Amino acid sequence: MLLGFVILYLVISIGIGMYAATKVHNARDYISAGRALPIYIVMAMVFATWFGAETVLGIPATFMEEDLAGLISDPFGASLCLILFGLFFARKLYRMNLLTIADYYRERYDNRVELITGIAIVLSYLGWVSAQITALGLVFNVLSDGQITQAQGILIGAAVVLMYTLYGGMWSVALTTFFQMIVIVLGLLYIAWLVSDLTGGVMPVIEHAAANEKFHFWPELNTVALIAFISGLITMGFGSIPQQDVFQRANASKNENVAVWGTVLGGVAYFLFAAVPLFLAYSANLIDPALVTRWLAEDSQKLLPELVRGHLPLFAQVVFYGALLSVIMSTASGTLLAPSVTLSENVLKRFFTHRKHLSDKKLLQTTRWIVGIFAVCVTLYALWALGEETGIHQMVENAYKVTLVVAFVPLVAGLYWRRANTLGAYLAIGLGLLTWIPMELWLPEGEGLMPPQFAGFLMAGVGMIAGSLIPAQRRI
């Protein structure tokens, strides 16, 4: 019966997405919903896209195994990204009337910078979208009592998300996400209310967590610990700013004020509501300690779904899994569309045709093909990561290293430093990659003074400053 309700929910989501496809008449409709979305839909898209599988399954699993400091990248870094983007980037980029974030690098620098940053942005999405598809596989595995393997669930989930994203594009993302945000918020609040009855309220859970030092957050006062803390914060906090999905939501707004405040409010809502899954998962320590022991040993990501299945009534289970599917699909659809658009517009187009010769109809057709191809790549990556036993939270954390190193410094310098030039962008990208890649490949994890992506980020800054000042020195 539970699986039947879940299938019904999937059918409704597909129906909304297919209805949204009727609003797509050209490539701009498909990519940015005609820049016509009001603030409540923009806020819902920002919130629901970022409130993904890692928030409900990955972050609580990390918190159970570690403490609050283990969540520095997400939700702390993720929320920081959204707020910073809204306050310092959304207005400037909205005024440029771009189609993708990678278009900015072409307008500010040149085609080569556009190509390199476009590839980096696309690669960064492999981990994030795969995390959502992996979570869908996990949900189907739990719901079917193991009759559907997680690998089979990944294939089913990928097909469902692809179906409505492929045709409706940003309009499908907007309408389904608005519906899914309502389910997420009301569903998880209802589950939290039921769970608090089982624990005797919220305070016993907080007191238990405090007694077990789960709220430890600040690093030790030494260089290595401080650098690791800062690196964890900025990997998502800065690395996810030059991303198509964040840009796309702001760019789909009906005006620049909506772009700014829709993003900021979505980021604040995400940070506050991310506490709900933490409360739910940690409540298991008071409700069923044996369940906690078992799933921490086997797969901590399954703890919360198993808690709901074992201790809440059927209606609550339906609500929870409806909310969980909303969480995953809202993120998966948005993060599947974003890299596909970038790949089509900023990478592949330059190899197959001149930009001016690609009609709007052809761009729309090409983008849809790329959405399908990228969905296949993501599914294969998710199946591979499943064999490697890579956690959902870790997959998301790893996604932003490449954009932190390659794309962030040229974006900030180009917007806020008039002397930033193309040579500076080349050196920023080159020094960043030449520092990050060798350290990432050959330095054992946890060793060294600083994480590889942080070292690459610093060297990117050095490259931008040096390259942008060289012409001035020559003129002297």
Protein backbone atom coordinates (compact mmCIF):
# COMPACT_ATOMS: atom_id res chain seq x y z
CA MET A 1 0.00 0.00 0.00
CA LEU A 2 2.82 2.42 0.91
CA LEU A 3 4.58 1.74 -2.39
CA GLY A 4 1.26 2.32 -4.20
CA PHE A 5 0.89 5.78 -2.65
CA VAL A 6 4.45 6.61 -3.63
CA ILE A 7 3.80 5.57 -7.23
CA LEU A 8 0.67 7.76 -7.27
CA TYR A 9 2.76 10.70 -6.04
CA LEU A 10 5.28 10.12 -8.83
CA VAL A 11 2.48 10.09 -11.41
CA ILE A 12 1.13 13.42 -10.07
CA SER A 13 4.61 14.98 -10.26
CA ILE A 14 5.06 13.79 -13.83
CA GLY A 15 1.62 15.19 -14.70
CA ILE A 16 2.52 18.65 -13.33
CA GLY A 17 5.80 18.57 -15.21
CA MET A 18 4.14 17.61 -18.48
CA TYR A 19 1.55 20.38 -18.05
CA ALA A 20 4.43 22.84 -17.57
CA ALA A 21 5.87 21.66 -20.89
CA THR A 22 2.92 23.34 -22.66
CA LYS A 23 4.38 26.71 -21.62
CA VAL A 24 7.65 26.08 -23.47
CA HIS A 25 7.67 27.80 -26.86
CA ASN A 26 11.36 28.59 -27.31
CA ALA A 27 14.81 28.01 -25.81
CA ARG A 28 14.53 30.93 -23.36
CA ASP A 29 11.27 29.51 -21.99
CA TYR A 30 12.96 26.15 -21.57
CA ILE A 31 16.09 27.52 -19.93
CA SER A 32 14.83 30.47 -17.86
CA ALA A 33 10.99 30.22 -17.89
CA GLY A 34 10.76 33.43 -19.90
CA ARG A 35 12.16 35.45 -16.95
CA ALA A 36 8.60 35.74 -15.60
CA LEU A 37 8.62 34.04 -12.19
CA PRO A 38 7.36 35.82 -9.02
CA ILE A 39 9.24 35.87 -5.74
CA TYR A 40 7.34 33.05 -4.04
CA ILE A 41 8.17 30.62 -6.86
CA VAL A 42 11.80 31.75 -7.04
CA MET A 43 12.15 31.32 -3.28
CA ALA A 44 10.49 27.90 -3.50
CA MET A 45 12.85 26.83 -6.30
CA VAL A 46 15.94 27.98 -4.41
CA PHE A 47 14.83 26.27 -1.20
CA ALA A 48 13.59 23.04 -2.76
CA THR A 49 16.52 22.64 -5.13
CA TRP A 50 19.03 22.89 -2.33
CA PHE A 51 16.93 20.96 0.17
CA GLY A 52 17.91 17.68 -1.44
CA ALA A 53 18.79 14.11 -0.61
CA GLU A 54 21.89 15.18 1.28
CA THR A 55 19.76 17.39 3.58
CA VAL A 56 17.31 14.66 4.59
CA LEU A 57 19.57 11.59 4.38
CA GLY A 58 23.22 12.63 4.07
CA ILE A 59 23.50 15.48 6.58
CA PRO A 60 21.70 13.61 9.42
CA ALA A 61 23.92 10.55 8.75
CA THR A 62 27.04 12.70 9.04
CA PHE A 63 25.71 14.35 12.21
CA MET A 64 25.00 10.96 13.79
CA GLU A 65 28.53 9.74 13.01
CA GLU A 66 30.36 13.00 13.82
CA ASP A 67 29.01 16.26 15.27
CA LEU A 68 27.91 19.73 14.16
CA ALA A 69 31.39 20.51 12.86
CA GLY A 70 30.92 17.77 10.27
CA LEU A 71 28.17 19.91 8.71
CA ILE A 72 30.33 22.96 8.01
CA SER A 73 30.01 22.51 4.24
CA ASP A 74 26.29 21.79 4.27
CA PRO A 75 24.03 23.36 5.52
CA PHE A 76 26.36 26.14 6.73
CA GLY A 77 28.37 26.58 3.52
CA ALA A 78 25.37 25.94 1.27
CA SER A 79 23.27 28.59 3.02
CA LEU A 80 26.18 31.03 2.89
CA CYS A 81 26.37 30.51 -0.88
CA LEU A 82 22.73 31.37 -1.48
CA ILE A 83 22.78 34.46 0.72
CA LEU A 84 26.03 35.74 -0.82
CA PHE A 85 24.77 35.10 -4.33
CA GLY A 86 21.57 37.03 -3.67
CA LEU A 87 23.30 40.00 -2.05
CA PHE A 88 26.41 40.38 -4.22
CA PHE A 89 25.89 38.57 -7.54
CA ALA A 90 22.21 38.27 -8.49
CA ARG A 91 21.58 41.92 -9.39
CA LYS A 92 24.73 42.40 -11.48
CA LEU A 93 24.25 39.14 -13.40
CA TYR A 94 20.52 39.68 -13.92
CA ARG A 95 21.19 43.03 -15.59
CA MET A 96 23.49 41.35 -18.12
CA ASN A 97 20.54 39.32 -19.53
CA LEU A 98 22.61 36.16 -19.95
CA LEU A 99 21.34 32.69 -20.82
CA THR A 100 23.86 30.77 -18.68
CA ILE A 101 26.42 31.64 -16.01
CA ALA A 102 29.20 30.54 -18.39
CA ASP A 103 28.06 33.25 -20.85
CA TYR A 104 29.41 35.72 -18.30
CA TYR A 105 32.96 34.44 -18.74
CA ARG A 106 32.72 34.94 -22.51
CA GLU A 107 31.35 38.47 -22.15
CA ARG A 108 33.89 39.50 -19.50
CA TYR A 109 36.94 37.57 -20.76
CA ASP A 110 36.87 35.43 -23.93
CA ASN A 111 35.65 32.19 -25.52
CA ARG A 112 38.43 30.05 -24.03
CA VAL A 113 37.59 31.10 -20.48
CA GLU A 114 33.94 30.37 -21.27
CA LEU A 115 34.84 26.87 -22.50
CA ILE A 116 37.04 25.95 -19.53
CA THR A 117 34.66 27.26 -16.88
CA GLY A 118 31.72 25.68 -18.71
CA ILE A 119 33.40 22.26 -18.60
CA ALA A 120 34.25 22.74 -14.91
CA ILE A 121 30.65 23.67 -14.10
CA VAL A 122 29.29 20.64 -15.96
CA LEU A 123 31.71 18.25 -14.24
CA SER A 124 30.77 19.61 -10.82
CA TYR A 125 27.18 18.49 -11.32
CA LEU A 126 28.05 14.83 -11.74
CA GLY A 127 28.40 14.40 -7.97
CA TRP A 128 25.39 16.48 -7.00
CA VAL A 129 22.87 15.00 -9.44
CA SER A 130 24.23 11.51 -8.79
CA ALA A 131 23.62 12.00 -5.08
CA GLN A 132 19.94 12.65 -5.78
CA ILE A 133 19.59 9.66 -8.10
CA THR A 134 21.40 7.48 -5.53
CA ALA A 135 18.93 8.63 -2.87
CA LEU A 136 15.99 7.71 -5.10
CA GLY A 137 17.49 4.25 -5.41
CA LEU A 138 17.79 4.02 -1.64
CA VAL A 139 14.13 5.04 -1.17
CA PHE A 140 12.85 2.41 -3.59
CA ASN A 141 15.06 -0.20 -1.92
CA VAL A 142 13.66 0.61 1.54
CA LEU A 143 10.04 0.84 0.37
CA SER A 144 10.17 -2.55 -1.35
CA ASP A 145 11.84 -4.30 1.60
CA GLY A 146 14.83 -5.02 -0.62
CA GLN A 147 12.79 -6.46 -3.52
CA ILE A 148 14.04 -3.55 -5.62
CA THR A 149 17.80 -3.27 -5.33
CA GLN A 150 19.32 0.17 -4.90
CA ALA A 151 20.84 -0.10 -8.39
CA GLN A 152 17.42 -0.87 -9.89
CA GLY A 153 15.94 2.00 -7.87
CA ILE A 154 18.56 4.34 -9.34
CA LEU A 155 17.45 3.41 -12.86
CA ILE A 156 13.76 3.91 -12.00
CA GLY A 157 14.38 7.25 -10.29
CA ALA A 158 16.51 8.57 -13.13
CA ALA A 159 13.81 7.68 -15.66
CA VAL A 160 11.08 9.48 -13.68
CA VAL A 161 13.08 12.70 -13.22
CA LEU A 162 14.21 12.68 -16.84
CA MET A 163 10.65 12.27 -18.10
CA TYR A 164 9.31 15.61 -16.88
CA THR A 165 12.57 17.59 -17.00
CA LEU A 166 13.22 16.64 -20.62
CA TYR A 167 10.07 18.26 -22.00
CA GLY A 168 9.24 21.09 -19.63
CA GLY A 169 12.68 22.43 -18.75
CA MET A 170 12.67 25.35 -16.33
CA TRP A 171 8.87 25.64 -16.40
CA SER A 172 8.60 22.03 -15.21
CA VAL A 173 11.22 22.68 -12.54
CA ALA A 174 9.35 25.80 -11.38
CA LEU A 175 5.85 24.31 -11.12
CA THR A 176 6.82 20.90 -9.76
CA THR A 177 9.20 22.50 -7.28
CA PHE A 178 6.51 24.83 -5.94
CA PHE A 179 4.21 21.84 -5.39
CA GLN A 180 7.05 19.81 -3.91
CA MET A 181 8.11 22.58 -1.50
CA ILE A 182 4.61 22.56 0.03
CA VAL A 183 4.82 18.79 0.50
CA ILE A 184 8.35 19.05 1.96
CA VAL A 185 7.54 21.71 4.56
CA LEU A 186 4.14 20.41 5.70
CA GLY A 187 5.22 16.77 5.56
CA LEU A 188 8.41 17.09 7.59
CA LEU A 189 6.78 19.38 10.17
CA TYR A 190 4.01 16.80 10.62
CA ILE A 191 6.57 14.00 11.04
CA ALA A 192 8.55 16.11 13.54
CA TRP A 193 5.36 16.65 15.55
CA LEU A 194 4.70 12.90 15.70
CA VAL A 195 8.30 12.09 16.60
CA SER A 196 8.37 14.71 19.36
CA ASP A 197 5.44 12.87 20.97
CA LEU A 198 7.55 9.72 21.06
CA THR A 199 10.54 11.52 22.62
CA GLY A 200 8.59 13.57 25.16
CA GLY A 201 9.16 16.82 23.28
CA VAL A 202 12.00 18.64 21.53
CA MET A 203 14.08 19.50 24.59
CA PRO A 204 14.90 15.89 25.60
CA VAL A 205 16.43 15.37 22.15
CA ILE A 206 18.46 18.59 22.37
CA GLU A 207 19.62 17.77 25.90
CA HIS A 208 20.68 14.25 24.85
CA ALA A 209 22.64 15.66 21.90
CA ALA A 210 24.30 18.29 24.10
CA ALA A 211 25.25 15.68 26.71
CA ASN A 212 26.96 13.67 23.95
CA GLU A 213 28.82 16.76 22.66
CA LYS A 214 27.02 16.72 19.32
CA PHE A 215 26.90 20.52 19.20
CA HIS A 216 30.67 20.88 19.04
CA PHE A 217 31.26 23.24 16.10
CA TRP A 218 34.28 25.56 16.33
CA PRO A 219 37.72 24.18 15.42
CA GLU A 220 40.73 23.95 17.69
CA LEU A 221 42.95 27.04 17.76
CA ASN A 222 45.73 25.72 15.57
CA THR A 223 46.65 26.41 11.96
CA VAL A 224 45.72 23.03 10.47
CA ALA A 225 42.31 22.90 12.18
CA LEU A 226 41.45 26.50 11.27
CA ILE A 227 42.40 26.01 7.61
CA ALA A 228 40.37 22.80 7.42
CA PHE A 229 37.37 24.61 8.95
CA ILE A 230 37.60 27.55 6.52
CA SER A 231 38.15 25.21 3.59
CA GLY A 232 35.06 23.18 4.47
CA LEU A 233 32.99 26.36 4.66
CA ILE A 234 34.13 27.92 1.39
CA THR A 235 34.18 24.74 -0.70
CA MET A 236 30.39 24.95 -0.90
CA GLY A 237 30.02 28.54 0.30
CA PHE A 238 32.14 29.92 -2.55
CA GLY A 239 32.42 26.95 -4.92
CA SER A 240 28.68 26.70 -5.50
CA ILE A 241 28.27 30.41 -6.36
CA PRO A 242 29.45 30.06 -10.01
CA GLN A 243 26.82 27.40 -10.69
CA GLN A 244 24.12 27.31 -13.34
CA ASP A 245 21.33 26.17 -11.00
CA VAL A 246 21.73 29.14 -8.62
CA PHE A 247 22.10 31.54 -11.53
CA GLN A 248 19.16 29.98 -13.39
CA ARG A 249 16.76 30.52 -10.51
CA ALA A 250 17.74 34.15 -10.09
CA ASN A 251 17.73 34.68 -13.85
CA ALA A 252 14.20 33.28 -14.18
CA SER A 253 12.87 36.04 -11.89
CA LYS A 254 10.54 38.68 -13.29
CA ASN A 255 12.83 41.51 -12.13
CA GLU A 256 16.16 42.04 -10.38
CA ASN A 257 14.66 42.65 -6.93
CA VAL A 258 12.94 39.27 -7.11
CA ALA A 259 16.26 37.75 -8.19
CA VAL A 260 17.98 39.19 -5.11
CA TRP A 261 15.44 38.55 -2.38
CA GLY A 262 14.07 35.29 -3.74
CA THR A 263 17.58 33.84 -3.51
CA VAL A 264 18.35 35.33 -0.08
CA LEU A 265 15.05 34.22 1.46
CA GLY A 266 15.44 30.77 -0.08
CA GLY A 267 18.89 30.49 1.52
CA VAL A 268 17.62 31.55 4.95
CA ALA A 269 14.69 29.13 4.72
CA TYR A 270 17.06 26.33 3.75
CA PHE A 271 19.36 26.95 6.72
CA LEU A 272 16.52 27.07 9.25
CA PHE A 273 14.60 24.08 7.90
CA ALA A 274 17.72 21.88 7.61
CA ALA A 275 17.46 21.47 11.40
CA VAL A 276 14.29 19.37 11.04
CA PRO A 277 15.93 16.24 9.53
CA LEU A 278 18.69 16.49 12.15
CA PHE A 279 16.08 16.45 14.91
CA LEU A 280 14.25 13.52 13.32
CA ALA A 281 17.33 11.36 12.89
CA TYR A 282 18.79 12.08 16.33
CA SER A 283 15.44 11.31 17.96
CA ALA A 284 16.12 7.65 17.15
CA ASN A 285 18.60 7.61 20.06
CA LEU A 286 15.68 8.09 22.45
CA ILE A 287 13.07 6.07 20.55
CA ASP A 288 15.03 2.98 19.46
CA PRO A 289 18.74 2.86 20.42
CA ALA A 290 19.09 -0.64 18.94
CA LEU A 291 17.98 0.71 15.55
CA VAL A 292 20.66 3.40 15.77
CA THR A 293 23.37 0.87 16.57
CA ARG A 294 22.34 -1.36 13.68
CA TRP A 295 22.15 1.28 10.95
CA LEU A 296 25.23 3.22 12.04
CA ALA A 297 27.10 -0.04 11.52
CA GLU A 298 25.44 -0.86 8.17
CA ASP A 299 24.35 2.36 6.42
CA SER A 300 23.59 5.46 8.48
CA GLN A 301 21.72 7.01 5.54
CA LYS A 302 18.92 4.46 6.04
CA LEU A 303 18.42 5.30 9.72
CA LEU A 304 15.73 7.96 9.27
CA PRO A 305 13.65 6.04 6.68
CA GLU A 306 13.80 2.91 8.85
CA LEU A 307 12.80 4.90 11.96
CA VAL A 308 9.71 6.20 10.17
CA ARG A 309 8.78 2.77 8.84
CA GLY A 310 9.21 1.08 12.20
CA HIS A 311 7.60 3.59 14.58
CA LEU A 312 5.06 5.76 12.74
CA PRO A 313 1.58 4.90 11.38
CA LEU A 314 0.95 4.25 7.69
CA PHE A 315 -0.40 7.73 6.95
CA ALA A 316 2.72 9.28 8.47
CA GLN A 317 4.88 6.97 6.37
CA VAL A 318 3.04 8.07 3.24
CA VAL A 319 3.58 11.72 4.20
CA PHE A 320 7.26 11.15 4.98
CA TYR A 321 8.07 9.33 1.77
CA GLY A 322 6.05 11.84 -0.23
CA ALA A 323 8.11 14.62 1.34
CA LEU A 324 11.34 12.68 0.80
CA LEU A 325 10.56 12.10 -2.86
CA SER A 326 9.69 15.79 -3.19
CA VAL A 327 13.04 16.70 -1.68
CA ILE A 328 14.97 14.47 -4.04
CA MET A 329 13.08 15.11 -7.26
CA SER A 330 12.97 18.89 -6.84
CA THR A 331 16.76 18.90 -6.55
CA ALA A 332 17.37 16.26 -9.19
CA SER A 333 15.28 17.99 -11.86
CA GLY A 334 16.90 21.37 -11.34
CA THR A 335 20.42 20.01 -11.17
CA LEU A 336 19.86 17.84 -14.24
CA LEU A 337 18.70 20.80 -16.32
CA ALA A 338 21.45 23.22 -15.25
CA PRO A 339 24.57 21.37 -16.50
CA SER A 340 22.77 20.21 -19.63
CA VAL A 341 22.04 23.81 -20.59
CA THR A 342 25.66 24.81 -19.92
CA LEU A 343 27.01 21.87 -21.90
CA SER A 344 24.76 22.68 -24.86
CA GLU A 345 25.17 26.47 -24.85
CA ASN A 346 28.80 26.94 -23.78
CA VAL A 347 30.71 23.78 -24.67
CA LEU A 348 29.28 21.67 -27.49
CA LYS A 349 27.89 24.52 -29.57
CA ARG A 350 31.36 25.88 -30.33
CA PHE A 351 32.49 22.52 -31.70
CA PHE A 352 29.56 21.80 -34.01
CA THR A 353 28.42 25.12 -35.35
CA HIS A 354 28.98 28.85 -35.24
CA ARG A 355 26.94 30.52 -32.52
CA LYS A 356 25.17 32.81 -34.97
CA HIS A 357 24.05 29.91 -37.15
CA LEU A 358 22.28 27.98 -34.37
CA SER A 359 18.58 28.83 -34.47
CA ASP A 360 16.43 29.07 -31.35
CA LYS A 361 14.55 25.92 -32.37
CA LYS A 362 17.82 24.06 -32.88
CA LEU A 363 19.16 25.23 -29.51
CA LEU A 364 16.00 23.97 -27.78
CA GLN A 365 16.27 20.60 -29.56
CA THR A 366 19.98 20.29 -28.77
CA THR A 367 19.46 21.15 -25.11
CA ARG A 368 16.80 18.45 -24.77
CA TRP A 369 19.14 15.88 -26.31
CA ILE A 370 21.87 16.92 -23.89
CA VAL A 371 19.48 16.59 -20.93
CA GLY A 372 18.90 12.97 -21.94
CA ILE A 373 22.58 12.21 -22.50
CA PHE A 374 23.62 13.85 -19.24
CA ALA A 375 20.96 11.85 -17.38
CA VAL A 376 22.57 8.66 -18.70
CA CYS A 377 26.04 9.83 -17.61
CA VAL A 378 24.77 10.75 -14.15
CA THR A 379 23.06 7.37 -13.77
CA LEU A 380 26.24 5.52 -14.70
CA TYR A 381 28.24 7.65 -12.26
CA ALA A 382 25.70 6.94 -9.50
CA LEU A 383 25.95 3.20 -10.15
CA TRP A 384 29.75 3.41 -10.03
CA ALA A 385 29.70 5.47 -6.80
CA LEU A 386 27.32 2.89 -5.30
CA GLY A 387 29.99 0.24 -5.83
CA GLU A 388 32.58 2.53 -4.26
CA GLU A 389 30.28 3.08 -1.24
CA THR A 390 30.52 6.85 -1.54
CA GLY A 391 28.07 8.59 0.82
CA ILE A 392 25.47 11.08 -0.42
CA HIS A 393 26.85 13.92 1.71
CA GLN A 394 30.39 13.23 0.48
CA MET A 395 29.27 13.16 -3.15
CA VAL A 396 27.75 16.63 -2.76
CA GLU A 397 30.80 18.01 -0.92
CA ASN A 398 33.14 16.79 -3.64
CA ALA A 399 31.04 18.39 -6.38
CA TYR A 400 32.14 21.96 -5.71
CA LYS A 401 35.90 21.59 -5.53
CA VAL A 402 36.41 22.12 -9.26
CA THR A 403 34.27 25.28 -9.47
CA LEU A 404 35.95 26.73 -6.37
CA VAL A 405 39.33 26.32 -8.05
CA VAL A 406 38.40 27.24 -11.63
CA ALA A 407 35.38 29.55 -11.73
CA PHE A 408 34.95 31.50 -8.49
CA VAL A 409 37.94 33.86 -8.62
CA PRO A 410 37.36 34.96 -12.27
CA LEU A 411 33.69 35.60 -11.46
CA VAL A 412 34.33 37.78 -8.40
CA ALA A 413 37.28 39.62 -9.93
CA GLY A 414 35.40 40.29 -13.15
CA LEU A 415 32.42 41.77 -11.31
CA TYR A 416 34.23 43.77 -8.64
CA TRP A 417 37.74 44.61 -9.96
CA ARG A 418 38.00 46.77 -13.06
CA ARG A 419 41.61 45.77 -13.72
CA ALA A 420 40.78 42.08 -13.92
CA ASN A 421 41.61 40.92 -17.45
CA THR A 422 41.77 37.83 -19.62
CA LEU A 423 45.41 37.08 -18.80
CA GLY A 424 44.50 37.17 -15.11
CA ALA A 425 41.66 34.72 -15.75
CA TYR A 426 44.03 32.37 -17.63
CA LEU A 427 46.58 32.44 -14.82
CA ALA A 428 43.90 32.03 -12.16
CA ILE A 429 42.54 28.92 -13.87
CA GLY A 430 45.99 27.54 -14.71
CA LEU A 431 47.60 28.02 -11.30
CA GLY A 432 44.46 26.83 -9.54
CA LEU A 433 44.31 23.59 -11.51
CA LEU A 434 48.07 22.93 -11.40
CA THR A 435 47.98 23.25 -7.62
CA TRP A 436 44.73 21.41 -6.92
CA ILE A 437 44.93 18.40 -9.24
CA PRO A 438 48.33 17.00 -8.12
CA MET A 439 47.46 17.49 -4.45
CA GLU A 440 44.04 15.86 -4.95
CA LEU A 441 45.53 12.87 -6.76
CA TRP A 442 48.70 12.17 -4.81
CA LEU A 443 48.39 13.73 -1.36
CA PRO A 444 46.86 11.22 1.11
CA GLU A 445 43.51 12.46 2.45
CA GLY A 446 43.84 14.39 5.69
CA GLU A 447 47.57 15.00 5.28
CA GLY A 448 49.27 18.28 4.49
CA LEU A 449 48.83 21.78 5.83
CA MET A 450 45.69 22.52 3.81
CA PRO A 451 43.08 20.70 1.69
CA PRO A 452 43.92 20.59 -2.05
CA GLN A 453 40.93 22.69 -3.16
CA PHE A 454 41.82 25.43 -0.65
CA ALA A 455 45.39 25.57 -1.95
CA GLY A 456 44.06 25.72 -5.51
CA PHE A 457 41.67 28.53 -4.56
CA LEU A 458 44.48 30.60 -3.04
CA MET A 459 46.72 30.10 -6.08
CA ALA A 460 43.84 31.09 -8.36
CA GLY A 461 43.70 34.39 -6.47
CA VAL A 462 47.45 34.85 -6.90
CA GLY A 463 47.14 34.14 -10.63
CA MET A 464 44.33 36.64 -11.11
CA ILE A 465 46.20 39.43 -9.30
CA ALA A 466 49.49 38.74 -11.07
CA GLY A 467 48.00 38.41 -14.54
CA SER A 468 45.85 41.51 -14.20
CA LEU A 469 48.75 43.68 -12.98
CA ILE A 470 51.29 42.62 -15.63
CA PRO A 471 49.87 44.86 -18.41
CA ALA A 472 49.90 47.85 -16.04
CA GLN A 473 53.58 47.25 -15.25
CA ARG A 474 54.43 47.06 -18.95
CA ARG A 475 52.75 50.37 -19.65
CA ILE A 476 54.92 51.96 -16.95
